[in-house]
Amino acid sequence: MRDGDVLATAELATSWRARTRGLLGRDSFDGALLLRPCKQVHTFGMRFPIDVAFCTGDGVVLHMTSLRPWRMSRVVRRARFVVEAPAGAFERWSLRPLDVLEIKE
């Protein structure tokens, strides 16, 4: 959520195994994947490009990037979690750095 607007349904990956697997092995994905804790991601072995938002523990978007398959992001040291979505999702959601995301569990 951002400012009370639901952007997407999120799947949570909080265990080491779930974070390691992430979106690997999937041909597509609807919604978003939240990886917590996380400071860096890769798309080695992925089948589609993704948007990635690195966020503080309070949900402030610190850095955003798009990654094609077989790429690695930079490390974002202040990040506490990452939101991944299919490429183009952040543009559709008008997501920008410094936006504050709220995760409802």
Protein backbone atom coordinates (compact mmCIF):
# COMPACT_ATOMS: atom_id res chain seq x y z
CA MET A 1 0.00 0.00 0.00
CA ARG A 2 1.03 3.57 -0.61
CA ASP A 3 -1.02 6.44 0.83
CA GLY A 4 -3.90 4.04 1.42
CA ASP A 5 -3.90 2.73 -2.18
CA VAL A 6 -3.38 -0.99 -2.66
CA LEU A 7 -0.68 -1.40 -5.31
CA ALA A 8 -0.55 -5.19 -5.44
CA THR A 9 -1.04 -8.41 -3.56
CA ALA A 10 2.34 -9.42 -2.20
CA GLU A 11 3.79 -12.84 -1.58
CA LEU A 12 6.17 -12.83 1.41
CA ALA A 13 9.54 -14.57 1.28
CA THR A 14 11.01 -14.38 4.78
CA SER A 15 12.78 -17.72 5.19
CA TRP A 16 16.26 -18.25 3.76
CA ARG A 17 14.94 -20.87 1.36
CA ALA A 18 12.03 -18.74 0.12
CA ARG A 19 14.30 -15.71 -0.39
CA THR A 20 16.87 -17.82 -2.26
CA ARG A 21 14.22 -19.24 -4.59
CA GLY A 22 12.41 -15.94 -5.11
CA LEU A 23 10.88 -15.87 -8.58
CA LEU A 24 13.20 -18.54 -10.04
CA GLY A 25 11.46 -21.21 -12.07
CA ARG A 26 8.39 -19.11 -12.82
CA ASP A 27 7.39 -18.08 -16.32
CA SER A 28 5.46 -15.03 -15.09
CA PHE A 29 4.20 -13.47 -11.89
CA ASP A 30 1.22 -11.32 -10.92
CA GLY A 31 1.57 -8.96 -8.00
CA ALA A 32 4.75 -8.50 -5.99
CA LEU A 33 7.24 -10.54 -4.03
CA LEU A 34 8.61 -9.13 -0.79
CA LEU A 35 12.02 -10.43 0.32
CA ARG A 36 12.90 -9.72 3.95
CA PRO A 37 15.70 -9.24 4.93
CA CYS A 38 17.40 -8.30 1.67
CA LYS A 39 20.05 -5.84 0.44
CA GLN A 40 20.84 -7.24 -3.02
CA VAL A 41 19.10 -9.40 -5.63
CA HIS A 42 20.03 -11.28 -8.78
CA THR A 43 18.12 -12.59 -11.76
CA PHE A 44 20.40 -15.52 -12.60
CA GLY A 45 18.18 -18.24 -14.08
CA MET A 46 15.09 -16.03 -14.25
CA ARG A 47 12.84 -16.12 -17.31
CA PHE A 48 11.54 -12.53 -17.32
CA PRO A 49 12.75 -9.04 -16.35
CA ILE A 50 11.73 -7.53 -13.02
CA ASP A 51 11.41 -4.18 -11.25
CA VAL A 52 13.13 -4.03 -7.85
CA ALA A 53 12.54 -1.54 -5.01
CA PHE A 54 14.92 -1.49 -2.03
CA CYS A 55 13.19 -0.21 1.11
CA THR A 56 14.05 0.79 4.67
CA GLY A 57 12.45 -1.03 7.57
CA ASP A 58 9.85 1.76 7.64
CA GLY A 59 8.97 1.14 3.97
CA VAL A 60 10.70 4.17 2.44
CA VAL A 61 11.79 3.35 -1.12
CA LEU A 62 15.55 4.03 -1.23
CA HIS A 63 16.45 2.79 -4.70
CA MET A 64 14.63 1.33 -7.70
CA THR A 65 15.96 -0.54 -10.69
CA SER A 66 14.87 -2.89 -13.47
CA LEU A 67 16.84 -6.06 -14.07
CA ARG A 68 16.86 -8.29 -17.12
CA PRO A 69 17.55 -12.01 -16.61
CA TRP A 70 21.14 -12.91 -15.67
CA ARG A 71 21.92 -9.61 -13.92
CA MET A 72 22.80 -8.57 -10.36
CA SER A 73 21.75 -5.45 -8.49
CA ARG A 74 24.07 -3.29 -6.47
CA VAL A 75 24.08 -3.70 -2.70
CA VAL A 76 21.82 -1.18 -0.95
CA ARG A 77 23.23 -1.18 2.57
CA ARG A 78 20.35 0.68 4.25
CA ALA A 79 17.73 -1.62 2.70
CA ARG A 80 15.83 -3.96 5.01
CA PHE A 81 13.50 -5.47 2.43
CA VAL A 82 13.02 -5.63 -1.32
CA VAL A 83 9.89 -5.62 -3.44
CA GLU A 84 10.11 -7.43 -6.78
CA ALA A 85 7.47 -7.22 -9.51
CA PRO A 86 7.31 -7.91 -13.24
CA ALA A 87 9.08 -5.23 -15.28
CA GLY A 88 6.81 -2.24 -15.91
CA ALA A 89 4.77 -2.71 -12.73
CA PHE A 90 6.40 0.21 -10.88
CA GLU A 91 5.64 2.55 -13.77
CA ARG A 92 1.98 1.41 -13.77
CA TRP A 93 1.85 1.94 -10.00
CA SER A 94 3.63 5.35 -10.29
CA LEU A 95 6.10 4.13 -7.65
CA ARG A 96 8.97 6.54 -7.02
CA PRO A 97 11.97 6.78 -4.67
CA LEU A 98 11.03 8.19 -1.24
CA ASP A 99 7.47 6.80 -1.53
CA VAL A 100 6.49 4.99 1.68
CA LEU A 101 5.12 1.48 1.29
CA GLU A 102 2.99 -0.19 3.92
CA ILE A 103 2.95 -3.97 4.01
CA LYS A 104 -0.27 -5.44 5.43
CA GLU A 105 0.17 -9.01 6.59
